[in-house]
Structure formats: structure tokens, C-alpha cells
Amino acid sequence: MALNKKGTRRITVDGIEYRWRIRRKPSYMQGLCWTPLTYAVEAASGSQPGTTLIVTSGQAHPSNWVGAEAVPIRPAHVAASIREARARGWEPTKAGSPFQLDRSAGFIAQP
């Protein structure tokens, strides 16, 4: 699975360039704040798409429908997620299934 280049942001972590993207519209579950915001990261270089990193944050989607407070995802958060995923075995240049990283500890679903 490769990210569409439109709407992605670039970030360099430890000398490697990545692209990351947050879905513009929340999923139904994110819109109701039943599940936290997720975003995708992939290596920006290389002709073949590698493994995509899917990060589940501990925050509500900014466009949620219930008015829950949402803290923006900052590049520092993305960089920390990339470093944690690399430490856990994510290899962004190798093909394979998406690598899931759950950082949602402390997320409380809205009623």
C-alpha cells in the first residue's frame, strides 16, 4: 500500500526522508470519538513502495463530530513514532503488510 503524494508532509528522521499523512475526514468511529486518530507514514525514497506504518495516536481526530478537544499531531510526535516503530522492527523499504504501532494508551472514548 502506497500513500498518495497529494496531501502528504515530508519529515526527515535520522537522515531518512519519510512522508506522512492524516486522513482529512474522520472515519465514522473517529468522528464519534470511539476510536483515536490514525495516520500513515512511509519512506519517501525508492521506486518500489515499502511497508506503510500505521500509527494509532491517543488523540481525537480534529474534525470529530462531538466537539471533543483535539491536539494537533506535530512533526515531533511523528518522528518519535517513526523511531519507536524502527526500534520495534519496522523496515520501511521492504515490501509487506502495514506495520501497526499503537500509541493510544490513555485514550478515553467519548460516550
PDB file of N, CA and C in Angstrom:
ATOM      1  N   MET A   1       0.852  -1.168   0.000  1.00  0.00           N
ATOM      2  CA  MET A   1       0.000   0.000   0.000  1.00  0.00           C
ATOM      3  C   MET A   1       0.898   1.231   0.000  1.00  0.00           C
ATOM      4  N   ALA A   2       0.688   2.108  -0.919  1.00  0.00           N
ATOM      5  CA  ALA A   2       1.473   3.339  -1.001  1.00  0.00           C
ATOM      6  C   ALA A   2       0.577   4.534  -0.727  1.00  0.00           C
ATOM      7  N   LEU A   3       1.161   5.540  -0.101  1.00  0.00           N
ATOM      8  CA  LEU A   3       0.420   6.770   0.167  1.00  0.00           C
ATOM      9  C   LEU A   3       0.309   7.601  -1.098  1.00  0.00           C
ATOM     10  N   ASN A   4      -0.812   8.225  -1.265  1.00  0.00           N
ATOM     11  CA  ASN A   4      -0.973   9.187  -2.328  1.00  0.00           C
ATOM     12  C   ASN A   4      -0.103  10.398  -1.972  1.00  0.00           C
ATOM     13  N   LYS A   5       0.676  10.903  -2.907  1.00  0.00           N
ATOM     14  CA  LYS A   5       1.589  12.008  -2.599  1.00  0.00           C
ATOM     15  C   LYS A   5       0.850  13.298  -2.261  1.00  0.00           C
ATOM     16  N   LYS A   6      -0.329  13.472  -2.828  1.00  0.00           N
ATOM     17  CA  LYS A   6      -1.092  14.681  -2.555  1.00  0.00           C
ATOM     18  C   LYS A   6      -1.561  14.675  -1.095  1.00  0.00           C
ATOM     19  N   GLY A   7      -1.263  15.749  -0.413  1.00  0.00           N
ATOM     20  CA  GLY A   7      -1.693  15.887   0.970  1.00  0.00           C
ATOM     21  C   GLY A   7      -0.719  15.326   1.984  1.00  0.00           C
ATOM     22  N   THR A   8       0.421  14.814   1.535  1.00  0.00           N
ATOM     23  CA  THR A   8       1.395  14.292   2.485  1.00  0.00           C
ATOM     24  C   THR A   8       2.370  15.387   2.902  1.00  0.00           C
ATOM     25  N   ARG A   9       2.976  15.188   4.058  1.00  0.00           N
ATOM     26  CA  ARG A   9       4.016  16.090   4.541  1.00  0.00           C
ATOM     27  C   ARG A   9       5.305  15.299   4.633  1.00  0.00           C
ATOM     28  N   ARG A  10       6.417  15.952   4.398  1.00  0.00           N
ATOM     29  CA  ARG A  10       7.724  15.303   4.470  1.00  0.00           C
ATOM     30  C   ARG A  10       8.357  15.558   5.825  1.00  0.00           C
ATOM     31  N   ILE A  11       9.117  14.552   6.275  1.00  0.00           N
ATOM     32  CA  ILE A  11       9.853  14.664   7.522  1.00  0.00           C
ATOM     33  C   ILE A  11      11.125  13.832   7.378  1.00  0.00           C
ATOM     34  N   THR A  12      12.213  14.335   7.899  1.00  0.00           N
ATOM     35  CA  THR A  12      13.468  13.598   7.893  1.00  0.00           C
ATOM     36  C   THR A  12      13.788  13.187   9.318  1.00  0.00           C
ATOM     37  N   VAL A  13      13.972  11.882   9.506  1.00  0.00           N
ATOM     38  CA  VAL A  13      14.272  11.333  10.822  1.00  0.00           C
ATOM     39  C   VAL A  13      15.536  10.489  10.699  1.00  0.00           C
ATOM     40  N   ASP A  14      16.560  10.867  11.446  1.00  0.00           N
ATOM     41  CA  ASP A  14      17.834  10.146  11.446  1.00  0.00           C
ATOM     42  C   ASP A  14      18.394   9.981  10.034  1.00  0.00           C
ATOM     43  N   GLY A  15      18.260  11.029   9.220  1.00  0.00           N
ATOM     44  CA  GLY A  15      18.825  11.037   7.879  1.00  0.00           C
ATOM     45  C   GLY A  15      18.004  10.352   6.812  1.00  0.00           C
ATOM     46  N   ILE A  16      16.849   9.821   7.148  1.00  0.00           N
ATOM     47  CA  ILE A  16      15.977   9.155   6.176  1.00  0.00           C
ATOM     48  C   ILE A  16      14.726  10.001   6.002  1.00  0.00           C
ATOM     49  N   GLU A  17      14.323  10.199   4.757  1.00  0.00           N
ATOM     50  CA  GLU A  17      13.153  11.029   4.469  1.00  0.00           C
ATOM     51  C   GLU A  17      11.901  10.160   4.390  1.00  0.00           C
ATOM     52  N   TYR A  18      10.844  10.640   5.036  1.00  0.00           N
ATOM     53  CA  TYR A  18       9.556   9.945   5.066  1.00  0.00           C
ATOM     54  C   TYR A  18       8.458  10.903   4.622  1.00  0.00           C
ATOM     55  N   ARG A  19       7.312  10.323   4.256  1.00  0.00           N
ATOM     56  CA  ARG A  19       6.084  11.087   4.006  1.00  0.00           C
ATOM     57  C   ARG A  19       5.045  10.594   4.995  1.00  0.00           C
ATOM     58  N   TRP A  20       4.245  11.516   5.518  1.00  0.00           N
ATOM     59  CA  TRP A  20       3.182  11.124   6.430  1.00  0.00           C
ATOM     60  C   TRP A  20       1.909  11.881   6.092  1.00  0.00           C
ATOM     61  N   ARG A  21       0.791  11.281   6.473  1.00  0.00           N
ATOM     62  CA  ARG A  21      -0.497  11.855   6.104  1.00  0.00           C
ATOM     63  C   ARG A  21      -1.559  11.469   7.129  1.00  0.00           C
ATOM     64  N   ILE A  22      -2.387  12.440   7.457  1.00  0.00           N
ATOM     65  CA  ILE A  22      -3.568  12.214   8.284  1.00  0.00           C
ATOM     66  C   ILE A  22      -4.777  12.273   7.367  1.00  0.00           C
ATOM     67  N   ARG A  23      -5.680  11.343   7.541  1.00  0.00           N
ATOM     68  CA  ARG A  23      -6.902  11.341   6.740  1.00  0.00           C
ATOM     69  C   ARG A  23      -7.679  12.632   7.011  1.00  0.00           C
ATOM     70  N   ARG A  24      -8.062  13.319   5.942  1.00  0.00           N
ATOM     71  CA  ARG A  24      -8.740  14.611   6.069  1.00  0.00           C
ATOM     72  C   ARG A  24     -10.063  14.491   6.813  1.00  0.00           C
ATOM     73  N   LYS A  25     -10.890  13.546   6.403  1.00  0.00           N
ATOM     74  CA  LYS A  25     -12.178  13.342   7.058  1.00  0.00           C
ATOM     75  C   LYS A  25     -12.050  12.173   8.028  1.00  0.00           C
ATOM     76  N   PRO A  26     -12.649  12.288   9.195  1.00  0.00           N
ATOM     77  CA  PRO A  26     -12.568  11.178  10.143  1.00  0.00           C
ATOM     78  C   PRO A  26     -13.412  10.000   9.672  1.00  0.00           C
ATOM     79  N   SER A  27     -13.000   8.802  10.064  1.00  0.00           N
ATOM     80  CA  SER A  27     -13.850   7.644   9.826  1.00  0.00           C
ATOM     81  C   SER A  27     -15.070   7.797  10.740  1.00  0.00           C
ATOM     82  N   TYR A  28     -16.071   6.968  10.556  1.00  0.00           N
ATOM     83  CA  TYR A  28     -17.270   7.053  11.378  1.00  0.00           C
ATOM     84  C   TYR A  28     -16.923   6.922  12.865  1.00  0.00           C
ATOM     85  N   MET A  29     -16.065   5.930  13.168  1.00  0.00           N
ATOM     86  CA  MET A  29     -15.678   5.686  14.562  1.00  0.00           C
ATOM     87  C   MET A  29     -14.857   6.849  15.131  1.00  0.00           C
ATOM     88  N   GLN A  30     -14.004   7.445  14.309  1.00  0.00           N
ATOM     89  CA  GLN A  30     -13.216   8.595  14.756  1.00  0.00           C
ATOM     90  C   GLN A  30     -14.097   9.829  14.900  1.00  0.00           C
ATOM     91  N   GLY A  31     -15.072   9.979  14.026  1.00  0.00           N
ATOM     92  CA  GLY A  31     -15.975  11.119  14.091  1.00  0.00           C
ATOM     93  C   GLY A  31     -16.774  11.156  15.385  1.00  0.00           C
ATOM     94  N   LEU A  32     -17.108   9.984  15.899  1.00  0.00           N
ATOM     95  CA  LEU A  32     -17.846   9.881  17.155  1.00  0.00           C
ATOM     96  C   LEU A  32     -16.921   9.754  18.368  1.00  0.00           C
ATOM     97  N   CYS A  33     -15.617   9.818  18.128  1.00  0.00           N
ATOM     98  CA  CYS A  33     -14.592   9.697  19.181  1.00  0.00           C
ATOM     99  C   CYS A  33     -14.636   8.348  19.888  1.00  0.00           C
ATOM    100  N   TRP A  34     -15.023   7.316  19.161  1.00  0.00           N
ATOM    101  CA  TRP A  34     -14.990   5.967  19.715  1.00  0.00           C
ATOM    102  C   TRP A  34     -13.600   5.357  19.531  1.00  0.00           C
ATOM    103  N   THR A  35     -12.879   5.807  18.507  1.00  0.00           N
ATOM    104  CA  THR A  35     -11.507   5.349  18.272  1.00  0.00           C
ATOM    105  C   THR A  35     -10.635   6.578  18.050  1.00  0.00           C
ATOM    106  N   PRO A  36      -9.348   6.469  18.347  1.00  0.00           N
ATOM    107  CA  PRO A  36      -8.452   7.624  18.195  1.00  0.00           C
ATOM    108  C   PRO A  36      -8.015   7.847  16.751  1.00  0.00           C
ATOM    109  N   LEU A  37      -7.408   8.967  16.540  1.00  0.00           N
ATOM    110  CA  LEU A  37      -6.861   9.367  15.249  1.00  0.00           C
ATOM    111  C   LEU A  37      -5.747   8.411  14.824  1.00  0.00           C
ATOM    112  N   THR A  38      -5.696   8.089  13.544  1.00  0.00           N
ATOM    113  CA  THR A  38      -4.594   7.309  12.989  1.00  0.00           C
ATOM    114  C   THR A  38      -3.959   8.107  11.857  1.00  0.00           C
ATOM    115  N   TYR A  39      -2.680   7.848  11.617  1.00  0.00           N
ATOM    116  CA  TYR A  39      -2.011   8.442  10.471  1.00  0.00           C
ATOM    117  C   TYR A  39      -1.036   7.439   9.890  1.00  0.00           C
ATOM    118  N   ALA A  40      -0.662   7.659   8.635  1.00  0.00           N
ATOM    119  CA  ALA A  40       0.193   6.729   7.910  1.00  0.00           C
ATOM    120  C   ALA A  40       1.530   7.379   7.585  1.00  0.00           C
ATOM    121  N   VAL A  41       2.583   6.556   7.597  1.00  0.00           N
ATOM    122  CA  VAL A  41       3.943   7.021   7.303  1.00  0.00           C
ATOM    123  C   VAL A  41       4.580   6.017   6.348  1.00  0.00           C
ATOM    124  N   GLU A  42       5.364   6.508   5.394  1.00  0.00           N
ATOM    125  CA  GLU A  42       6.133   5.628   4.524  1.00  0.00           C
ATOM    126  C   GLU A  42       7.435   6.308   4.131  1.00  0.00           C
ATOM    127  N   ALA A  43       8.391   5.519   3.696  1.00  0.00           N
ATOM    128  CA  ALA A  43       9.660   6.059   3.225  1.00  0.00           C
ATOM    129  C   ALA A  43       9.402   6.839   1.942  1.00  0.00           C
ATOM    130  N   ALA A  44      10.021   8.006   1.810  1.00  0.00           N
ATOM    131  CA  ALA A  44       9.781   8.864   0.647  1.00  0.00           C
ATOM    132  C   ALA A  44      10.647   8.481  -0.538  1.00  0.00           C
ATOM    133  N   SER A  45      11.745   7.798  -0.296  1.00  0.00           N
ATOM    134  CA  SER A  45      12.646   7.451  -1.388  1.00  0.00           C
ATOM    135  C   SER A  45      12.382   6.024  -1.853  1.00  0.00           C
ATOM    136  N   GLY A  46      12.918   5.699  -3.010  1.00  0.00           N
ATOM    137  CA  GLY A  46      12.761   4.349  -3.548  1.00  0.00           C
ATOM    138  C   GLY A  46      11.684   4.290  -4.601  1.00  0.00           C
ATOM    139  N   SER A  47      11.909   3.464  -5.603  1.00  0.00           N
ATOM    140  CA  SER A  47      10.948   3.348  -6.693  1.00  0.00           C
ATOM    141  C   SER A  47       9.817   2.390  -6.350  1.00  0.00           C
ATOM    142  N   GLN A  48      10.080   1.426  -5.472  1.00  0.00           N
ATOM    143  CA  GLN A  48       9.056   0.469  -5.062  1.00  0.00           C
ATOM    144  C   GLN A  48       8.479   0.879  -3.714  1.00  0.00           C
ATOM    145  N   PRO A  49       7.154   0.788  -3.554  1.00  0.00           N
ATOM    146  CA  PRO A  49       6.594   1.112  -2.243  1.00  0.00           C
ATOM    147  C   PRO A  49       7.005   0.068  -1.216  1.00  0.00           C
ATOM    148  N   GLY A  50       7.324   0.504  -0.031  1.00  0.00           N
ATOM    149  CA  GLY A  50       7.701  -0.400   1.046  1.00  0.00           C
ATOM    150  C   GLY A  50       6.531  -0.620   1.982  1.00  0.00           C
ATOM    151  N   THR A  51       6.848  -0.969   3.196  1.00  0.00           N
ATOM    152  CA  THR A  51       5.827  -1.203   4.208  1.00  0.00           C
ATOM    153  C   THR A  51       5.368   0.128   4.792  1.00  0.00           C
ATOM    154  N   THR A  52       4.074   0.305   4.879  1.00  0.00           N
ATOM    155  CA  THR A  52       3.497   1.515   5.452  1.00  0.00           C
ATOM    156  C   THR A  52       3.353   1.339   6.957  1.00  0.00           C
ATOM    157  N   LEU A  53       3.657   2.388   7.689  1.00  0.00           N
ATOM    158  CA  LEU A  53       3.476   2.406   9.133  1.00  0.00           C
ATOM    159  C   LEU A  53       2.136   3.064   9.435  1.00  0.00           C
ATOM    160  N   ILE A  54       1.286   2.393  10.181  1.00  0.00           N
ATOM    161  CA  ILE A  54       0.002   2.947  10.608  1.00  0.00           C
ATOM    162  C   ILE A  54       0.096   3.207  12.108  1.00  0.00           C
ATOM    163  N   VAL A  55       0.032   4.480  12.490  1.00  0.00           N
ATOM    164  CA  VAL A  55       0.167   4.877  13.887  1.00  0.00           C
ATOM    165  C   VAL A  55      -1.202   5.246  14.446  1.00  0.00           C
ATOM    166  N   THR A  56      -1.566   4.600  15.532  1.00  0.00           N
ATOM    167  CA  THR A  56      -2.791   4.941  16.251  1.00  0.00           C
ATOM    168  C   THR A  56      -2.385   5.852  17.400  1.00  0.00           C
ATOM    169  N   SER A  57      -2.790   7.106  17.311  1.00  0.00           N
ATOM    170  CA  SER A  57      -2.415   8.078  18.341  1.00  0.00           C
ATOM    171  C   SER A  57      -3.373   7.962  19.518  1.00  0.00           C
ATOM    172  N   GLY A  58      -3.127   8.706  20.539  1.00  0.00           N
ATOM    173  CA  GLY A  58      -4.013   8.725  21.701  1.00  0.00           C
ATOM    174  C   GLY A  58      -4.888   9.959  21.726  1.00  0.00           C
ATOM    175  N   GLN A  59      -5.173  10.521  20.538  1.00  0.00           N
ATOM    176  CA  GLN A  59      -5.903  11.779  20.450  1.00  0.00           C
ATOM    177  C   GLN A  59      -7.125  11.640  19.555  1.00  0.00           C
ATOM    178  N   ALA A  60      -8.070  12.507  19.755  1.00  0.00           N
ATOM    179  CA  ALA A  60      -9.262  12.538  18.912  1.00  0.00           C
ATOM    180  C   ALA A  60      -8.930  13.183  17.567  1.00  0.00           C
ATOM    181  N   HIS A  61      -9.674  12.801  16.539  1.00  0.00           N
ATOM    182  CA  HIS A  61      -9.496  13.429  15.219  1.00  0.00           C
ATOM    183  C   HIS A  61      -9.941  14.888  15.320  1.00  0.00           C
ATOM    184  N   PRO A  62      -9.189  15.820  14.722  1.00  0.00           N
ATOM    185  CA  PRO A  62      -9.549  17.241  14.824  1.00  0.00           C
ATOM    186  C   PRO A  62     -10.927  17.574  14.244  1.00  0.00           C
ATOM    187  N   SER A  63     -11.396  16.771  13.308  1.00  0.00           N
ATOM    188  CA  SER A  63     -12.706  17.032  12.689  1.00  0.00           C
ATOM    189  C   SER A  63     -13.789  16.133  13.268  1.00  0.00           C
ATOM    190  N   ASN A  64     -13.666  15.756  14.541  1.00  0.00           N
ATOM    191  CA  ASN A  64     -14.687  14.884  15.140  1.00  0.00           C
ATOM    192  C   ASN A  64     -16.010  15.630  15.222  1.00  0.00           C
ATOM    193  N   TRP A  65     -17.077  14.868  15.329  1.00  0.00           N
ATOM    194  CA  TRP A  65     -18.427  15.444  15.267  1.00  0.00           C
ATOM    195  C   TRP A  65     -19.012  15.766  16.625  1.00  0.00           C
ATOM    196  N   VAL A  66     -18.348  15.375  17.693  1.00  0.00           N
ATOM    197  CA  VAL A  66     -18.921  15.579  19.024  1.00  0.00           C
ATOM    198  C   VAL A  66     -18.287  16.744  19.765  1.00  0.00           C
ATOM    199  N   GLY A  67     -17.367  17.422  19.133  1.00  0.00           N
ATOM    200  CA  GLY A  67     -16.751  18.595  19.740  1.00  0.00           C
ATOM    201  C   GLY A  67     -15.689  18.296  20.775  1.00  0.00           C
ATOM    202  N   ALA A  68     -15.160  17.079  20.752  1.00  0.00           N
ATOM    203  CA  ALA A  68     -14.091  16.734  21.695  1.00  0.00           C
ATOM    204  C   ALA A  68     -12.826  17.513  21.342  1.00  0.00           C
ATOM    205  N   GLU A  69     -12.107  17.914  22.366  1.00  0.00           N
ATOM    206  CA  GLU A  69     -10.873  18.664  22.145  1.00  0.00           C
ATOM    207  C   GLU A  69      -9.847  17.765  21.459  1.00  0.00           C
ATOM    208  N   ALA A  70      -9.204  18.303  20.446  1.00  0.00           N
ATOM    209  CA  ALA A  70      -8.203  17.551  19.696  1.00  0.00           C
ATOM    210  C   ALA A  70      -6.892  18.329  19.679  1.00  0.00           C
ATOM    211  N   VAL A  71      -5.831  17.649  20.011  1.00  0.00           N
ATOM    212  CA  VAL A  71      -4.495  18.244  19.981  1.00  0.00           C
ATOM    213  C   VAL A  71      -3.878  17.895  18.626  1.00  0.00           C
ATOM    214  N   PRO A  72      -3.299  18.868  17.929  1.00  0.00           N
ATOM    215  CA  PRO A  72      -2.733  18.569  16.610  1.00  0.00           C
ATOM    216  C   PRO A  72      -1.557  17.595  16.697  1.00  0.00           C
ATOM    217  N   ILE A  73      -1.403  16.787  15.658  1.00  0.00           N
ATOM    218  CA  ILE A  73      -0.246  15.907  15.545  1.00  0.00           C
ATOM    219  C   ILE A  73       0.897  16.761  15.012  1.00  0.00           C
ATOM    220  N   ARG A  74       1.963  16.830  15.752  1.00  0.00           N
ATOM    221  CA  ARG A  74       3.117  17.648  15.380  1.00  0.00           C
ATOM    222  C   ARG A  74       4.216  16.759  14.809  1.00  0.00           C
ATOM    223  N   PRO A  75       5.105  17.348  14.010  1.00  0.00           N
ATOM    224  CA  PRO A  75       6.207  16.564  13.451  1.00  0.00           C
ATOM    225  C   PRO A  75       7.043  15.845  14.510  1.00  0.00           C
ATOM    226  N   ALA A  76       7.185  16.416  15.687  1.00  0.00           N
ATOM    227  CA  ALA A  76       7.943  15.752  16.757  1.00  0.00           C
ATOM    228  C   ALA A  76       7.264  14.445  17.170  1.00  0.00           C
ATOM    229  N   HIS A  77       5.936  14.442  17.181  1.00  0.00           N
ATOM    230  CA  HIS A  77       5.183  13.227  17.511  1.00  0.00           C
ATOM    231  C   HIS A  77       5.400  12.177  16.429  1.00  0.00           C
ATOM    232  N   VAL A  78       5.368  12.602  15.176  1.00  0.00           N
ATOM    233  CA  VAL A  78       5.587  11.685  14.056  1.00  0.00           C
ATOM    234  C   VAL A  78       6.999  11.110  14.117  1.00  0.00           C
ATOM    235  N   ALA A  79       7.992  11.953  14.371  1.00  0.00           N
ATOM    236  CA  ALA A  79       9.380  11.488  14.454  1.00  0.00           C
ATOM    237  C   ALA A  79       9.547  10.472  15.586  1.00  0.00           C
ATOM    238  N   ALA A  80       8.943  10.730  16.737  1.00  0.00           N
ATOM    239  CA  ALA A  80       9.021   9.787  17.854  1.00  0.00           C
ATOM    240  C   ALA A  80       8.360   8.461  17.495  1.00  0.00           C
ATOM    241  N   SER A  81       7.255   8.516  16.774  1.00  0.00           N
ATOM    242  CA  SER A  81       6.566   7.292  16.345  1.00  0.00           C
ATOM    243  C   SER A  81       7.430   6.503  15.367  1.00  0.00           C
ATOM    244  N   ILE A  82       8.083   7.198  14.457  1.00  0.00           N
ATOM    245  CA  ILE A  82       8.957   6.520  13.490  1.00  0.00           C
ATOM    246  C   ILE A  82      10.108   5.836  14.214  1.00  0.00           C
ATOM    247  N   ARG A  83      10.724   6.529  15.154  1.00  0.00           N
ATOM    248  CA  ARG A  83      11.840   5.938  15.902  1.00  0.00           C
ATOM    249  C   ARG A  83      11.378   4.717  16.706  1.00  0.00           C
ATOM    250  N   GLU A  84      10.215   4.806  17.337  1.00  0.00           N
ATOM    251  CA  GLU A  84       9.687   3.683  18.105  1.00  0.00           C
ATOM    252  C   GLU A  84       9.380   2.499  17.197  1.00  0.00           C
ATOM    253  N   ALA A  85       8.777   2.763  16.048  1.00  0.00           N
ATOM    254  CA  ALA A  85       8.456   1.678  15.108  1.00  0.00           C
ATOM    255  C   ALA A  85       9.725   1.014  14.575  1.00  0.00           C
ATOM    256  N   ARG A  86      10.741   1.823  14.266  1.00  0.00           N
ATOM    257  CA  ARG A  86      12.017   1.256  13.792  1.00  0.00           C
ATOM    258  C   ARG A  86      12.632   0.378  14.874  1.00  0.00           C
ATOM    259  N   ALA A  87      12.546   0.809  16.127  1.00  0.00           N
ATOM    260  CA  ALA A  87      13.084   0.013  17.236  1.00  0.00           C
ATOM    261  C   ALA A  87      12.316  -1.296  17.413  1.00  0.00           C
ATOM    262  N   ARG A  88      11.039  -1.296  17.039  1.00  0.00           N
ATOM    263  CA  ARG A  88      10.204  -2.497  17.162  1.00  0.00           C
ATOM    264  C   ARG A  88      10.255  -3.381  15.919  1.00  0.00           C
ATOM    265  N   GLY A  89      11.033  -2.983  14.918  1.00  0.00           N
ATOM    266  CA  GLY A  89      11.219  -3.868  13.771  1.00  0.00           C
ATOM    267  C   GLY A  89      10.627  -3.412  12.451  1.00  0.00           C
ATOM    268  N   TRP A  90      10.083  -2.207  12.392  1.00  0.00           N
ATOM    269  CA  TRP A  90       9.539  -1.722  11.118  1.00  0.00           C
ATOM    270  C   TRP A  90      10.669  -1.459  10.142  1.00  0.00           C
ATOM    271  N   GLU A  91      10.568  -2.034   8.955  1.00  0.00           N
ATOM    272  CA  GLU A  91      11.543  -1.822   7.888  1.00  0.00           C
ATOM    273  C   GLU A  91      10.814  -1.149   6.730  1.00  0.00           C
ATOM    274  N   PRO A  92      10.918   0.171   6.611  1.00  0.00           N
ATOM    275  CA  PRO A  92      10.105   0.923   5.655  1.00  0.00           C
ATOM    276  C   PRO A  92      10.406   0.643   4.186  1.00  0.00           C
ATOM    277  N   THR A  93      11.572   0.099   3.872  1.00  0.00           N
ATOM    278  CA  THR A  93      11.920  -0.121   2.466  1.00  0.00           C
ATOM    279  C   THR A  93      11.563  -1.517   1.985  1.00  0.00           C
ATOM    280  N   LYS A  94      11.217  -2.420   2.869  1.00  0.00           N
ATOM    281  CA  LYS A  94      10.858  -3.781   2.472  1.00  0.00           C
ATOM    282  C   LYS A  94       9.350  -3.883   2.281  1.00  0.00           C
ATOM    283  N   ALA A  95       8.951  -4.624   1.264  1.00  0.00           N
ATOM    284  CA  ALA A  95       7.528  -4.822   0.989  1.00  0.00           C
ATOM    285  C   ALA A  95       6.913  -5.710   2.065  1.00  0.00           C
ATOM    286  N   GLY A  96       5.646  -5.511   2.306  1.00  0.00           N
ATOM    287  CA  GLY A  96       4.952  -6.325   3.295  1.00  0.00           C
ATOM    288  C   GLY A  96       3.663  -5.673   3.757  1.00  0.00           C
ATOM    289  N   SER A  97       3.035  -6.308   4.694  1.00  0.00           N
ATOM    290  CA  SER A  97       1.788  -5.791   5.267  1.00  0.00           C
ATOM    291  C   SER A  97       2.075  -4.532   6.074  1.00  0.00           C
ATOM    292  N   PRO A  98       1.090  -3.661   6.230  1.00  0.00           N
ATOM    293  CA  PRO A  98       1.287  -2.459   7.043  1.00  0.00           C
ATOM    294  C   PRO A  98       1.708  -2.818   8.462  1.00  0.00           C
ATOM    295  N   PHE A  99       2.611  -2.028   8.997  1.00  0.00           N
ATOM    296  CA  PHE A  99       3.115  -2.207  10.357  1.00  0.00           C
ATOM    297  C   PHE A  99       2.269  -1.337  11.268  1.00  0.00           C
ATOM    298  N   GLN A 100       1.665  -1.933  12.279  1.00  0.00           N
ATOM    299  CA  GLN A 100       0.788  -1.217  13.199  1.00  0.00           C
ATOM    300  C   GLN A 100       1.554  -0.788  14.444  1.00  0.00           C
ATOM    301  N   LEU A 101       1.442   0.472  14.809  1.00  0.00           N
ATOM    302  CA  LEU A 101       2.031   0.988  16.045  1.00  0.00           C
ATOM    303  C   LEU A 101       0.914   1.657  16.838  1.00  0.00           C
ATOM    304  N   ASP A 102       0.627   1.108  18.005  1.00  0.00           N
ATOM    305  CA  ASP A 102      -0.456   1.630  18.840  1.00  0.00           C
ATOM    306  C   ASP A 102       0.121   2.494  19.947  1.00  0.00           C
ATOM    307  N   ARG A 103      -0.151   3.785  19.873  1.00  0.00           N
ATOM    308  CA  ARG A 103       0.291   4.738  20.900  1.00  0.00           C
ATOM    309  C   ARG A 103      -0.929   5.363  21.573  1.00  0.00           C
ATOM    310  N   SER A 104      -2.006   4.594  21.666  1.00  0.00           N
ATOM    311  CA  SER A 104      -3.266   5.149  22.148  1.00  0.00           C
ATOM    312  C   SER A 104      -3.504   4.924  23.639  1.00  0.00           C
ATOM    313  N   ALA A 105      -2.487   4.529  24.376  1.00  0.00           N
ATOM    314  CA  ALA A 105      -2.669   4.343  25.809  1.00  0.00           C
ATOM    315  C   ALA A 105      -3.164   5.653  26.426  1.00  0.00           C
ATOM    316  N   GLY A 106      -4.223   5.566  27.166  1.00  0.00           N
ATOM    317  CA  GLY A 106      -4.777   6.751  27.806  1.00  0.00           C
ATOM    318  C   GLY A 106      -5.937   7.383  27.033  1.00  0.00           C
ATOM    319  N   PHE A 107      -6.223   6.877  25.814  1.00  0.00           N
ATOM    320  CA  PHE A 107      -7.350   7.421  25.058  1.00  0.00           C
ATOM    321  C   PHE A 107      -8.651   6.955  25.698  1.00  0.00           C
ATOM    322  N   ILE A 108      -9.544   7.896  25.952  1.00  0.00           N
ATOM    323  CA  ILE A 108     -10.830   7.576  26.544  1.00  0.00           C
ATOM    324  C   ILE A 108     -11.907   7.871  25.505  1.00  0.00           C
ATOM    325  N   ALA A 109     -12.634   6.842  25.111  1.00  0.00           N
ATOM    326  CA  ALA A 109     -13.699   7.016  24.130  1.00  0.00           C
ATOM    327  C   ALA A 109     -14.810   7.880  24.711  1.00  0.00           C
ATOM    328  N   GLN A 110     -15.378   8.719  23.854  1.00  0.00           N
ATOM    329  CA  GLN A 110     -16.477   9.589  24.257  1.00  0.00           C
ATOM    330  C   GLN A 110     -17.764   8.774  24.277  1.00  0.00           C
ATOM    331  N   PRO A 111     -18.687   9.075  25.188  1.00  0.00           N
ATOM    332  CA  PRO A 111     -19.969   8.347  25.246  1.00  0.00           C
ATOM    333  C   PRO A 111     -20.847   8.630  24.051  1.00  0.00           C
TER     334      PRO A 111
END
